[in-house]
Full PDB file with SEQRES, HELIX, SHEET, SSBOND, CRYST1, ORIGX, SCALE, CONECT and MASTER records, all heavy atoms in Angstrom:
SEQRES   1 A   35  ASP GLY LEU ARG VAL LEU VAL ILE ASP HIS ASP THR GLU          
SEQRES   2 A   35  ALA ARG GLU LEU LEU ARG THR VAL LEU LEU GLN ARG GLY          
SEQRES   3 A   35  ALA ASP VAL ARG THR VAL PRO SER VAL                          
HELIX    1 AA1 THR A   12  GLN A   24  1                                  13    
SHEET    1 AA1 2 ARG A   4  ILE A   8  0                                        
SHEET    2 AA1 2 ASP A  28  VAL A  32  1                                        
CRYST1    1.000    1.000    1.000  90.00  90.00  90.00 P 1           1          
ORIGX1      1.000000  0.000000  0.000000        0.00000                         
ORIGX2      0.000000  1.000000  0.000000        0.00000                         
ORIGX3      0.000000  0.000000  1.000000        0.00000                         
SCALE1      1.000000  0.000000  0.000000        0.00000                         
SCALE2      0.000000  1.000000  0.000000        0.00000                         
SCALE3      0.000000  0.000000  1.000000        0.00000                         
ATOM      1  N   ASP A   1      -7.422 -10.489   4.155  1.00  0.00           N  
ATOM      2  CA  ASP A   1      -6.414 -11.470   4.537  1.00  0.00           C  
ATOM      3  C   ASP A   1      -5.784 -12.165   3.330  1.00  0.00           C  
ATOM      4  O   ASP A   1      -6.463 -12.827   2.541  1.00  0.00           O  
ATOM      5  CB  ASP A   1      -7.028 -12.519   5.465  1.00  0.00           C  
ATOM      6  CG  ASP A   1      -5.977 -13.340   6.176  1.00  0.00           C  
ATOM      7  OD1 ASP A   1      -4.880 -12.807   6.437  1.00  0.00           O  
ATOM      8  OD2 ASP A   1      -6.253 -14.511   6.458  1.00  0.00           O  
ATOM      9  N   GLY A   2      -4.474 -11.962   3.168  1.00  0.00           N  
ATOM     10  CA  GLY A   2      -3.720 -12.621   2.113  1.00  0.00           C  
ATOM     11  C   GLY A   2      -3.836 -12.003   0.738  1.00  0.00           C  
ATOM     12  O   GLY A   2      -3.149 -12.430  -0.195  1.00  0.00           O  
ATOM     13  N   LEU A   3      -4.671 -11.004   0.557  1.00  0.00           N  
ATOM     14  CA  LEU A   3      -4.842 -10.359  -0.743  1.00  0.00           C  
ATOM     15  C   LEU A   3      -3.597  -9.525  -1.047  1.00  0.00           C  
ATOM     16  O   LEU A   3      -3.142  -8.741  -0.224  1.00  0.00           O  
ATOM     17  CB  LEU A   3      -6.086  -9.469  -0.722  1.00  0.00           C  
ATOM     18  CG  LEU A   3      -6.581  -8.969  -2.059  1.00  0.00           C  
ATOM     19  CD1 LEU A   3      -7.151 -10.130  -2.875  1.00  0.00           C  
ATOM     20  CD2 LEU A   3      -7.664  -7.931  -1.840  1.00  0.00           C  
ATOM     21  N   ARG A   4      -3.059  -9.704  -2.243  1.00  0.00           N  
ATOM     22  CA  ARG A   4      -1.864  -8.948  -2.642  1.00  0.00           C  
ATOM     23  C   ARG A   4      -2.304  -7.654  -3.329  1.00  0.00           C  
ATOM     24  O   ARG A   4      -2.937  -7.704  -4.384  1.00  0.00           O  
ATOM     25  CB  ARG A   4      -1.018  -9.803  -3.571  1.00  0.00           C  
ATOM     26  CG  ARG A   4      -0.448 -11.015  -2.858  1.00  0.00           C  
ATOM     27  CD  ARG A   4       0.029 -12.061  -3.821  1.00  0.00           C  
ATOM     28  NE  ARG A   4       1.170 -11.656  -4.601  1.00  0.00           N  
ATOM     29  CZ  ARG A   4       2.415 -12.080  -4.407  1.00  0.00           C  
ATOM     30  NH1 ARG A   4       2.666 -12.933  -3.459  1.00  0.00           N  
ATOM     31  NH2 ARG A   4       3.387 -11.659  -5.171  1.00  0.00           N  
ATOM     32  N   VAL A   5      -1.957  -6.523  -2.710  1.00  0.00           N  
ATOM     33  CA  VAL A   5      -2.379  -5.217  -3.214  1.00  0.00           C  
ATOM     34  C   VAL A   5      -1.148  -4.391  -3.569  1.00  0.00           C  
ATOM     35  O   VAL A   5      -0.276  -4.162  -2.731  1.00  0.00           O  
ATOM     36  CB  VAL A   5      -3.229  -4.458  -2.167  1.00  0.00           C  
ATOM     37  CG1 VAL A   5      -3.676  -3.102  -2.725  1.00  0.00           C  
ATOM     38  CG2 VAL A   5      -4.437  -5.288  -1.732  1.00  0.00           C  
ATOM     39  N   LEU A   6      -1.101  -3.937  -4.810  1.00  0.00           N  
ATOM     40  CA  LEU A   6      -0.044  -3.040  -5.271  1.00  0.00           C  
ATOM     41  C   LEU A   6      -0.578  -1.617  -5.228  1.00  0.00           C  
ATOM     42  O   LEU A   6      -1.616  -1.327  -5.827  1.00  0.00           O  
ATOM     43  CB  LEU A   6       0.380  -3.397  -6.699  1.00  0.00           C  
ATOM     44  CG  LEU A   6       1.402  -2.466  -7.349  1.00  0.00           C  
ATOM     45  CD1 LEU A   6       2.717  -2.448  -6.567  1.00  0.00           C  
ATOM     46  CD2 LEU A   6       1.641  -2.870  -8.797  1.00  0.00           C  
ATOM     47  N   VAL A   7       0.126  -0.744  -4.510  1.00  0.00           N  
ATOM     48  CA  VAL A   7      -0.266   0.659  -4.383  1.00  0.00           C  
ATOM     49  C   VAL A   7       0.758   1.519  -5.108  1.00  0.00           C  
ATOM     50  O   VAL A   7       1.959   1.426  -4.847  1.00  0.00           O  
ATOM     51  CB  VAL A   7      -0.334   1.089  -2.896  1.00  0.00           C  
ATOM     52  CG1 VAL A   7      -0.604   2.583  -2.775  1.00  0.00           C  
ATOM     53  CG2 VAL A   7      -1.385   0.279  -2.154  1.00  0.00           C  
ATOM     54  N   ILE A   8       0.270   2.367  -6.017  1.00  0.00           N  
ATOM     55  CA  ILE A   8       1.129   3.299  -6.737  1.00  0.00           C  
ATOM     56  C   ILE A   8       0.683   4.717  -6.384  1.00  0.00           C  
ATOM     57  O   ILE A   8      -0.465   5.092  -6.627  1.00  0.00           O  
ATOM     58  CB  ILE A   8       1.035   3.103  -8.265  1.00  0.00           C  
ATOM     59  CG1 ILE A   8       1.375   1.670  -8.651  1.00  0.00           C  
ATOM     60  CG2 ILE A   8       1.946   4.105  -8.983  1.00  0.00           C  
ATOM     61  CD1 ILE A   8       1.131   1.345 -10.103  1.00  0.00           C  
ATOM     62  N   ASP A   9       1.598   5.461  -5.794  1.00  0.00           N  
ATOM     63  CA  ASP A   9       1.303   6.862  -5.462  1.00  0.00           C  
ATOM     64  C   ASP A   9       2.619   7.607  -5.392  1.00  0.00           C  
ATOM     65  O   ASP A   9       3.561   7.145  -4.738  1.00  0.00           O  
ATOM     66  CB  ASP A   9       0.552   6.967  -4.135  1.00  0.00           C  
ATOM     67  CG  ASP A   9      -0.149   8.309  -3.972  1.00  0.00           C  
ATOM     68  OD1 ASP A   9       0.485   9.353  -4.253  1.00  0.00           O  
ATOM     69  OD2 ASP A   9      -1.322   8.314  -3.579  1.00  0.00           O  
ATOM     70  N   HIS A  10       2.703   8.750  -6.053  1.00  0.00           N  
ATOM     71  CA  HIS A  10       3.940   9.528  -6.058  1.00  0.00           C  
ATOM     72  C   HIS A  10       4.210  10.184  -4.701  1.00  0.00           C  
ATOM     73  O   HIS A  10       5.341  10.488  -4.377  1.00  0.00           O  
ATOM     74  CB  HIS A  10       3.909  10.594  -7.164  1.00  0.00           C  
ATOM     75  CG  HIS A  10       2.930  11.687  -6.888  1.00  0.00           C  
ATOM     76  ND1 HIS A  10       1.582  11.533  -7.113  1.00  0.00           N  
ATOM     77  CD2 HIS A  10       3.097  12.929  -6.376  1.00  0.00           C  
ATOM     78  CE1 HIS A  10       0.961  12.645  -6.761  1.00  0.00           C  
ATOM     79  NE2 HIS A  10       1.849  13.500  -6.307  1.00  0.00           N  
ATOM     80  N   ASP A  11       3.173  10.350  -3.895  1.00  0.00           N  
ATOM     81  CA  ASP A  11       3.297  11.005  -2.600  1.00  0.00           C  
ATOM     82  C   ASP A  11       3.678   9.981  -1.525  1.00  0.00           C  
ATOM     83  O   ASP A  11       2.907   9.059  -1.243  1.00  0.00           O  
ATOM     84  CB  ASP A  11       1.978  11.686  -2.254  1.00  0.00           C  
ATOM     85  CG  ASP A  11       2.060  12.434  -0.944  1.00  0.00           C  
ATOM     86  OD1 ASP A  11       1.816  11.808   0.105  1.00  0.00           O  
ATOM     87  OD2 ASP A  11       2.370  13.641  -0.966  1.00  0.00           O  
ATOM     88  N   THR A  12       4.834  10.166  -0.910  1.00  0.00           N  
ATOM     89  CA  THR A  12       5.346   9.215   0.081  1.00  0.00           C  
ATOM     90  C   THR A  12       4.389   9.038   1.256  1.00  0.00           C  
ATOM     91  O   THR A  12       4.119   7.908   1.673  1.00  0.00           O  
ATOM     92  CB  THR A  12       6.729   9.679   0.601  1.00  0.00           C  
ATOM     93  OG1 THR A  12       7.608   9.823  -0.507  1.00  0.00           O  
ATOM     94  CG2 THR A  12       7.315   8.681   1.579  1.00  0.00           C  
ATOM     95  N   GLU A  13       3.876  10.130   1.793  1.00  0.00           N  
ATOM     96  CA  GLU A  13       2.967  10.035   2.941  1.00  0.00           C  
ATOM     97  C   GLU A  13       1.680   9.300   2.583  1.00  0.00           C  
ATOM     98  O   GLU A  13       1.197   8.473   3.349  1.00  0.00           O  
ATOM     99  CB  GLU A  13       2.656  11.425   3.488  1.00  0.00           C  
ATOM    100  CG  GLU A  13       3.825  12.054   4.215  1.00  0.00           C  
ATOM    101  CD  GLU A  13       3.483  13.432   4.758  1.00  0.00           C  
ATOM    102  OE1 GLU A  13       2.294  13.738   4.984  1.00  0.00           O  
ATOM    103  OE2 GLU A  13       4.426  14.210   4.966  1.00  0.00           O  
ATOM    104  N   ALA A  14       1.130   9.587   1.427  1.00  0.00           N  
ATOM    105  CA  ALA A  14      -0.098   8.910   0.990  1.00  0.00           C  
ATOM    106  C   ALA A  14       0.152   7.418   0.805  1.00  0.00           C  
ATOM    107  O   ALA A  14      -0.668   6.587   1.195  1.00  0.00           O  
ATOM    108  CB  ALA A  14      -0.611   9.527  -0.310  1.00  0.00           C  
ATOM    109  N   ARG A  15       1.301   7.085   0.209  1.00  0.00           N  
ATOM    110  CA  ARG A  15       1.664   5.682   0.003  1.00  0.00           C  
ATOM    111  C   ARG A  15       1.754   4.939   1.332  1.00  0.00           C  
ATOM    112  O   ARG A  15       1.238   3.840   1.483  1.00  0.00           O  
ATOM    113  CB  ARG A  15       3.033   5.610  -0.698  1.00  0.00           C  
ATOM    114  CG  ARG A  15       3.033   4.934  -1.991  1.00  0.00           C  
ATOM    115  CD  ARG A  15       4.375   4.762  -2.668  1.00  0.00           C  
ATOM    116  NE  ARG A  15       5.579   5.201  -2.029  1.00  0.00           N  
ATOM    117  CZ  ARG A  15       6.241   6.314  -2.321  1.00  0.00           C  
ATOM    118  NH1 ARG A  15       5.799   7.134  -3.247  1.00  0.00           N  
ATOM    119  NH2 ARG A  15       7.356   6.607  -1.702  1.00  0.00           N  
ATOM    120  N   GLU A  16       2.412   5.547   2.294  1.00  0.00           N  
ATOM    121  CA  GLU A  16       2.587   4.902   3.601  1.00  0.00           C  
ATOM    122  C   GLU A  16       1.266   4.785   4.354  1.00  0.00           C  
ATOM    123  O   GLU A  16       1.026   3.791   5.037  1.00  0.00           O  
ATOM    124  CB  GLU A  16       3.636   5.641   4.432  1.00  0.00           C  
ATOM    125  CG  GLU A  16       5.045   5.385   3.948  1.00  0.00           C  
ATOM    126  CD  GLU A  16       5.362   3.892   3.826  1.00  0.00           C  
ATOM    127  OE1 GLU A  16       5.179   3.145   4.804  1.00  0.00           O  
ATOM    128  OE2 GLU A  16       5.792   3.478   2.729  1.00  0.00           O  
ATOM    129  N   LEU A  17       0.413   5.777   4.220  1.00  0.00           N  
ATOM    130  CA  LEU A  17      -0.903   5.715   4.867  1.00  0.00           C  
ATOM    131  C   LEU A  17      -1.715   4.558   4.279  1.00  0.00           C  
ATOM    132  O   LEU A  17      -2.299   3.753   5.018  1.00  0.00           O  
ATOM    133  CB  LEU A  17      -1.662   7.029   4.700  1.00  0.00           C  
ATOM    134  CG  LEU A  17      -3.074   7.054   5.262  1.00  0.00           C  
ATOM    135  CD1 LEU A  17      -3.059   6.816   6.774  1.00  0.00           C  
ATOM    136  CD2 LEU A  17      -3.761   8.355   4.924  1.00  0.00           C  
ATOM    137  N   LEU A  18      -1.752   4.459   2.962  1.00  0.00           N  
ATOM    138  CA  LEU A  18      -2.469   3.365   2.311  1.00  0.00           C  
ATOM    139  C   LEU A  18      -1.882   2.014   2.714  1.00  0.00           C  
ATOM    140  O   LEU A  18      -2.610   1.066   3.012  1.00  0.00           O  
ATOM    141  CB  LEU A  18      -2.430   3.527   0.790  1.00  0.00           C  
ATOM    142  CG  LEU A  18      -3.264   4.669   0.221  1.00  0.00           C  
ATOM    143  CD1 LEU A  18      -2.920   4.899  -1.240  1.00  0.00           C  
ATOM    144  CD2 LEU A  18      -4.742   4.400   0.395  1.00  0.00           C  
ATOM    145  N   ARG A  19      -0.572   1.946   2.751  1.00  0.00           N  
ATOM    146  CA  ARG A  19       0.102   0.706   3.143  1.00  0.00           C  
ATOM    147  C   ARG A  19      -0.308   0.292   4.550  1.00  0.00           C  
ATOM    148  O   ARG A  19      -0.671  -0.867   4.796  1.00  0.00           O  
ATOM    149  CB  ARG A  19       1.617   0.901   3.069  1.00  0.00           C  
ATOM    150  CG  ARG A  19       2.419  -0.318   3.424  1.00  0.00           C  
ATOM    151  CD  ARG A  19       3.927   0.003   3.303  1.00  0.00           C  
ATOM    152  NE  ARG A  19       4.726  -1.156   3.550  1.00  0.00           N  
ATOM    153  CZ  ARG A  19       5.002  -1.644   4.755  1.00  0.00           C  
ATOM    154  NH1 ARG A  19       4.531  -1.043   5.815  1.00  0.00           N  
ATOM    155  NH2 ARG A  19       5.748  -2.719   4.893  1.00  0.00           N  
ATOM    156  N   THR A  20      -0.270   1.224   5.484  1.00  0.00           N  
ATOM    157  CA  THR A  20      -0.621   0.937   6.876  1.00  0.00           C  
ATOM    158  C   THR A  20      -2.062   0.466   7.004  1.00  0.00           C  
ATOM    159  O   THR A  20      -2.348  -0.538   7.662  1.00  0.00           O  
ATOM    160  CB  THR A  20      -0.392   2.191   7.755  1.00  0.00           C  
ATOM    161  OG1 THR A  20       0.998   2.545   7.675  1.00  0.00           O  
ATOM    162  CG2 THR A  20      -0.776   1.937   9.198  1.00  0.00           C  
ATOM    163  N   VAL A  21      -2.984   1.174   6.359  1.00  0.00           N  
ATOM    164  CA  VAL A  21      -4.405   0.815   6.421  1.00  0.00           C  
ATOM    165  C   VAL A  21      -4.624  -0.591   5.881  1.00  0.00           C  
ATOM    166  O   VAL A  21      -5.318  -1.406   6.492  1.00  0.00           O  
ATOM    167  CB  VAL A  21      -5.268   1.840   5.633  1.00  0.00           C  
ATOM    168  CG1 VAL A  21      -6.666   1.313   5.387  1.00  0.00           C  
ATOM    169  CG2 VAL A  21      -5.306   3.170   6.370  1.00  0.00           C  
ATOM    170  N   LEU A  22      -4.024  -0.891   4.747  1.00  0.00           N  
ATOM    171  CA  LEU A  22      -4.240  -2.197   4.115  1.00  0.00           C  
ATOM    172  C   LEU A  22      -3.560  -3.328   4.896  1.00  0.00           C  
ATOM    173  O   LEU A  22      -4.112  -4.422   5.006  1.00  0.00           O  
ATOM    174  CB  LEU A  22      -3.769  -2.161   2.666  1.00  0.00           C  
ATOM    175  CG  LEU A  22      -4.555  -1.197   1.774  1.00  0.00           C  
ATOM    176  CD1 LEU A  22      -3.917  -1.086   0.404  1.00  0.00           C  
ATOM    177  CD2 LEU A  22      -6.014  -1.598   1.675  1.00  0.00           C  
ATOM    178  N   LEU A  23      -2.391  -3.066   5.449  1.00  0.00           N  
ATOM    179  CA  LEU A  23      -1.727  -4.069   6.282  1.00  0.00           C  
ATOM    180  C   LEU A  23      -2.562  -4.395   7.518  1.00  0.00           C  
ATOM    181  O   LEU A  23      -2.672  -5.558   7.913  1.00  0.00           O  
ATOM    182  CB  LEU A  23      -0.340  -3.585   6.712  1.00  0.00           C  
ATOM    183  CG  LEU A  23       0.760  -3.644   5.666  1.00  0.00           C  
ATOM    184  CD1 LEU A  23       2.025  -2.968   6.180  1.00  0.00           C  
ATOM    185  CD2 LEU A  23       1.056  -5.081   5.258  1.00  0.00           C  
ATOM    186  N   GLN A  24      -3.153  -3.364   8.113  1.00  0.00           N  
ATOM    187  CA  GLN A  24      -3.983  -3.569   9.305  1.00  0.00           C  
ATOM    188  C   GLN A  24      -5.204  -4.429   9.003  1.00  0.00           C  
ATOM    189  O   GLN A  24      -5.773  -5.028   9.896  1.00  0.00           O  
ATOM    190  CB  GLN A  24      -4.437  -2.228   9.883  1.00  0.00           C  
ATOM    191  CG  GLN A  24      -3.333  -1.458  10.547  1.00  0.00           C  
ATOM    192  CD  GLN A  24      -3.765  -0.064  10.977  1.00  0.00           C  
ATOM    193  OE1 GLN A  24      -4.793   0.462  10.547  1.00  0.00           O  
ATOM    194  NE2 GLN A  24      -2.955   0.557  11.811  1.00  0.00           N  
ATOM    195  N   ARG A  25      -5.590  -4.490   7.755  1.00  0.00           N  
ATOM    196  CA  ARG A  25      -6.757  -5.288   7.366  1.00  0.00           C  
ATOM    197  C   ARG A  25      -6.363  -6.621   6.746  1.00  0.00           C  
ATOM    198  O   ARG A  25      -7.164  -7.296   6.130  1.00  0.00           O  
ATOM    199  CB  ARG A  25      -7.649  -4.490   6.441  1.00  0.00           C  
ATOM    200  CG  ARG A  25      -8.520  -3.545   7.281  1.00  0.00           C  
ATOM    201  CD  ARG A  25      -8.688  -2.216   6.632  1.00  0.00           C  
ATOM    202  NE  ARG A  25      -9.539  -1.339   7.421  1.00  0.00           N  
ATOM    203  CZ  ARG A  25      -9.056  -0.403   8.222  1.00  0.00           C  
ATOM    204  NH1 ARG A  25      -7.764  -0.260   8.395  1.00  0.00           N  
ATOM    205  NH2 ARG A  25      -9.875   0.405   8.867  1.00  0.00           N  
ATOM    206  N   GLY A  26      -5.087  -6.988   6.881  1.00  0.00           N  
ATOM    207  CA  GLY A  26      -4.642  -8.313   6.494  1.00  0.00           C  
ATOM    208  C   GLY A  26      -4.057  -8.455   5.103  1.00  0.00           C  
ATOM    209  O   GLY A  26      -3.660  -9.551   4.712  1.00  0.00           O  
ATOM    210  N   ALA A  27      -3.999  -7.371   4.336  1.00  0.00           N  
ATOM    211  CA  ALA A  27      -3.470  -7.458   2.969  1.00  0.00           C  
ATOM    212  C   ALA A  27      -1.950  -7.583   2.989  1.00  0.00           C  
ATOM    213  O   ALA A  27      -1.280  -7.121   3.912  1.00  0.00           O  
ATOM    214  CB  ALA A  27      -3.874  -6.233   2.166  1.00  0.00           C  
ATOM    215  N   ASP A  28      -1.424  -8.189   1.943  1.00  0.00           N  
ATOM    216  CA  ASP A  28       0.001  -8.207   1.666  1.00  0.00           C  
ATOM    217  C   ASP A  28       0.198  -7.041   0.704  1.00  0.00           C  
ATOM    218  O   ASP A  28      -0.369  -7.050  -0.401  1.00  0.00           O  
ATOM    219  CB  ASP A  28       0.369  -9.550   1.030  1.00  0.00           C  
ATOM    220  CG  ASP A  28       1.856  -9.715   0.805  1.00  0.00           C  
ATOM    221  OD1 ASP A  28       2.641  -8.843   1.238  1.00  0.00           O  
ATOM    222  OD2 ASP A  28       2.229 -10.714   0.181  1.00  0.00           O  
ATOM    223  N   VAL A  29       0.953  -6.026   1.111  1.00  0.00           N  
ATOM    224  CA  VAL A  29       1.006  -4.768   0.361  1.00  0.00           C  
ATOM    225  C   VAL A  29       2.412  -4.473  -0.139  1.00  0.00           C  
ATOM    226  O   VAL A  29       3.389  -4.630   0.591  1.00  0.00           O  
ATOM    227  CB  VAL A  29       0.546  -3.583   1.250  1.00  0.00           C  
ATOM    228  CG1 VAL A  29       0.549  -2.284   0.464  1.00  0.00           C  
ATOM    229  CG2 VAL A  29      -0.819  -3.851   1.852  1.00  0.00           C  
ATOM    230  N   ARG A  30       2.469  -4.031  -1.373  1.00  0.00           N  
ATOM    231  CA  ARG A  30       3.716  -3.514  -1.931  1.00  0.00           C  
ATOM    232  C   ARG A  30       3.397  -2.119  -2.455  1.00  0.00           C  
ATOM    233  O   ARG A  30       2.383  -1.935  -3.139  1.00  0.00           O  
ATOM    234  CB  ARG A  30       4.206  -4.407  -3.059  1.00  0.00           C  
ATOM    235  CG  ARG A  30       5.567  -3.984  -3.576  1.00  0.00           C  
ATOM    236  CD  ARG A  30       6.166  -5.018  -4.464  1.00  0.00           C  
ATOM    237  NE  ARG A  30       6.606  -6.165  -3.666  1.00  0.00           N  
ATOM    238  CZ  ARG A  30       7.254  -7.200  -4.160  1.00  0.00           C  
ATOM    239  NH1 ARG A  30       7.530  -7.260  -5.444  1.00  0.00           N  
ATOM    240  NH2 ARG A  30       7.626  -8.201  -3.387  1.00  0.00           N  
ATOM    241  N   THR A  31       4.246  -1.146  -2.136  1.00  0.00           N  
ATOM    242  CA  THR A  31       4.030   0.228  -2.596  1.00  0.00           C  
ATOM    243  C   THR A  31       5.183   0.658  -3.496  1.00  0.00           C  
ATOM    244  O   THR A  31       6.333   0.271  -3.273  1.00  0.00           O  
ATOM    245  CB  THR A  31       3.916   1.217  -1.415  1.00  0.00           C  
ATOM    246  OG1 THR A  31       5.141   1.221  -0.677  1.00  0.00           O  
ATOM    247  CG2 THR A  31       2.768   0.857  -0.495  1.00  0.00           C  
ATOM    248  N   VAL A  32       4.838   1.447  -4.504  1.00  0.00           N  
ATOM    249  CA  VAL A  32       5.844   1.992  -5.418  1.00  0.00           C  
ATOM    250  C   VAL A  32       5.467   3.434  -5.743  1.00  0.00           C  
ATOM    251  O   VAL A  32       4.292   3.802  -5.710  1.00  0.00           O  
ATOM    252  CB  VAL A  32       5.964   1.149  -6.716  1.00  0.00           C  
ATOM    253  CG1 VAL A  32       6.484  -0.244  -6.414  1.00  0.00           C  
ATOM    254  CG2 VAL A  32       4.652   1.084  -7.453  1.00  0.00           C  
ATOM    255  N   PRO A  33       6.473   4.258  -6.081  1.00  0.00           N  
ATOM    256  CA  PRO A  33       6.207   5.679  -6.315  1.00  0.00           C  
ATOM    257  C   PRO A  33       5.854   6.064  -7.746  1.00  0.00           C  
ATOM    258  O   PRO A  33       5.467   7.200  -7.995  1.00  0.00           O  
ATOM    259  CB  PRO A  33       7.525   6.339  -5.913  1.00  0.00           C  
ATOM    260  CG  PRO A  33       8.558   5.301  -6.238  1.00  0.00           C  
ATOM    261  CD  PRO A  33       7.895   3.978  -5.963  1.00  0.00           C  
ATOM    262  N   SER A  34       5.983   5.135  -8.706  1.00  0.00           N  
ATOM    263  CA  SER A  34       5.781   5.544 -10.097  1.00  0.00           C  
ATOM    264  C   SER A  34       5.095   4.461 -10.917  1.00  0.00           C  
ATOM    265  O   SER A  34       5.089   3.286 -10.544  1.00  0.00           O  
ATOM    266  CB  SER A  34       7.135   5.872 -10.742  1.00  0.00           C  
ATOM    267  OG  SER A  34       7.883   4.688 -10.924  1.00  0.00           O  
ATOM    268  N   VAL A  35       4.562   4.881 -12.035  1.00  0.00           N  
ATOM    269  CA  VAL A  35       3.926   3.959 -12.976  1.00  0.00           C  
ATOM    270  C   VAL A  35       4.942   2.941 -13.484  1.00  0.00           C  
ATOM    271  O   VAL A  35       4.651   1.745 -13.572  1.00  0.00           O  
ATOM    272  CB  VAL A  35       3.275   4.743 -14.142  1.00  0.00           C  
ATOM    273  CG1 VAL A  35       2.864   3.818 -15.263  1.00  0.00           C  
ATOM    274  CG2 VAL A  35       2.083   5.543 -13.633  1.00  0.00           C  
TER     275      VAL A  35                                                      
MASTER        0    0    0    1    2    0    0    6  274    1    0    3          
END                                                                             
């Protein structure tokens, strides 16, 4: 809850899966495709 998590993954599907999982657990998530 409220934890800000930055996810970096070049794979769009993997990024969205991680985003969904973390959002469901209360995280504030931002995803990006590159370093």
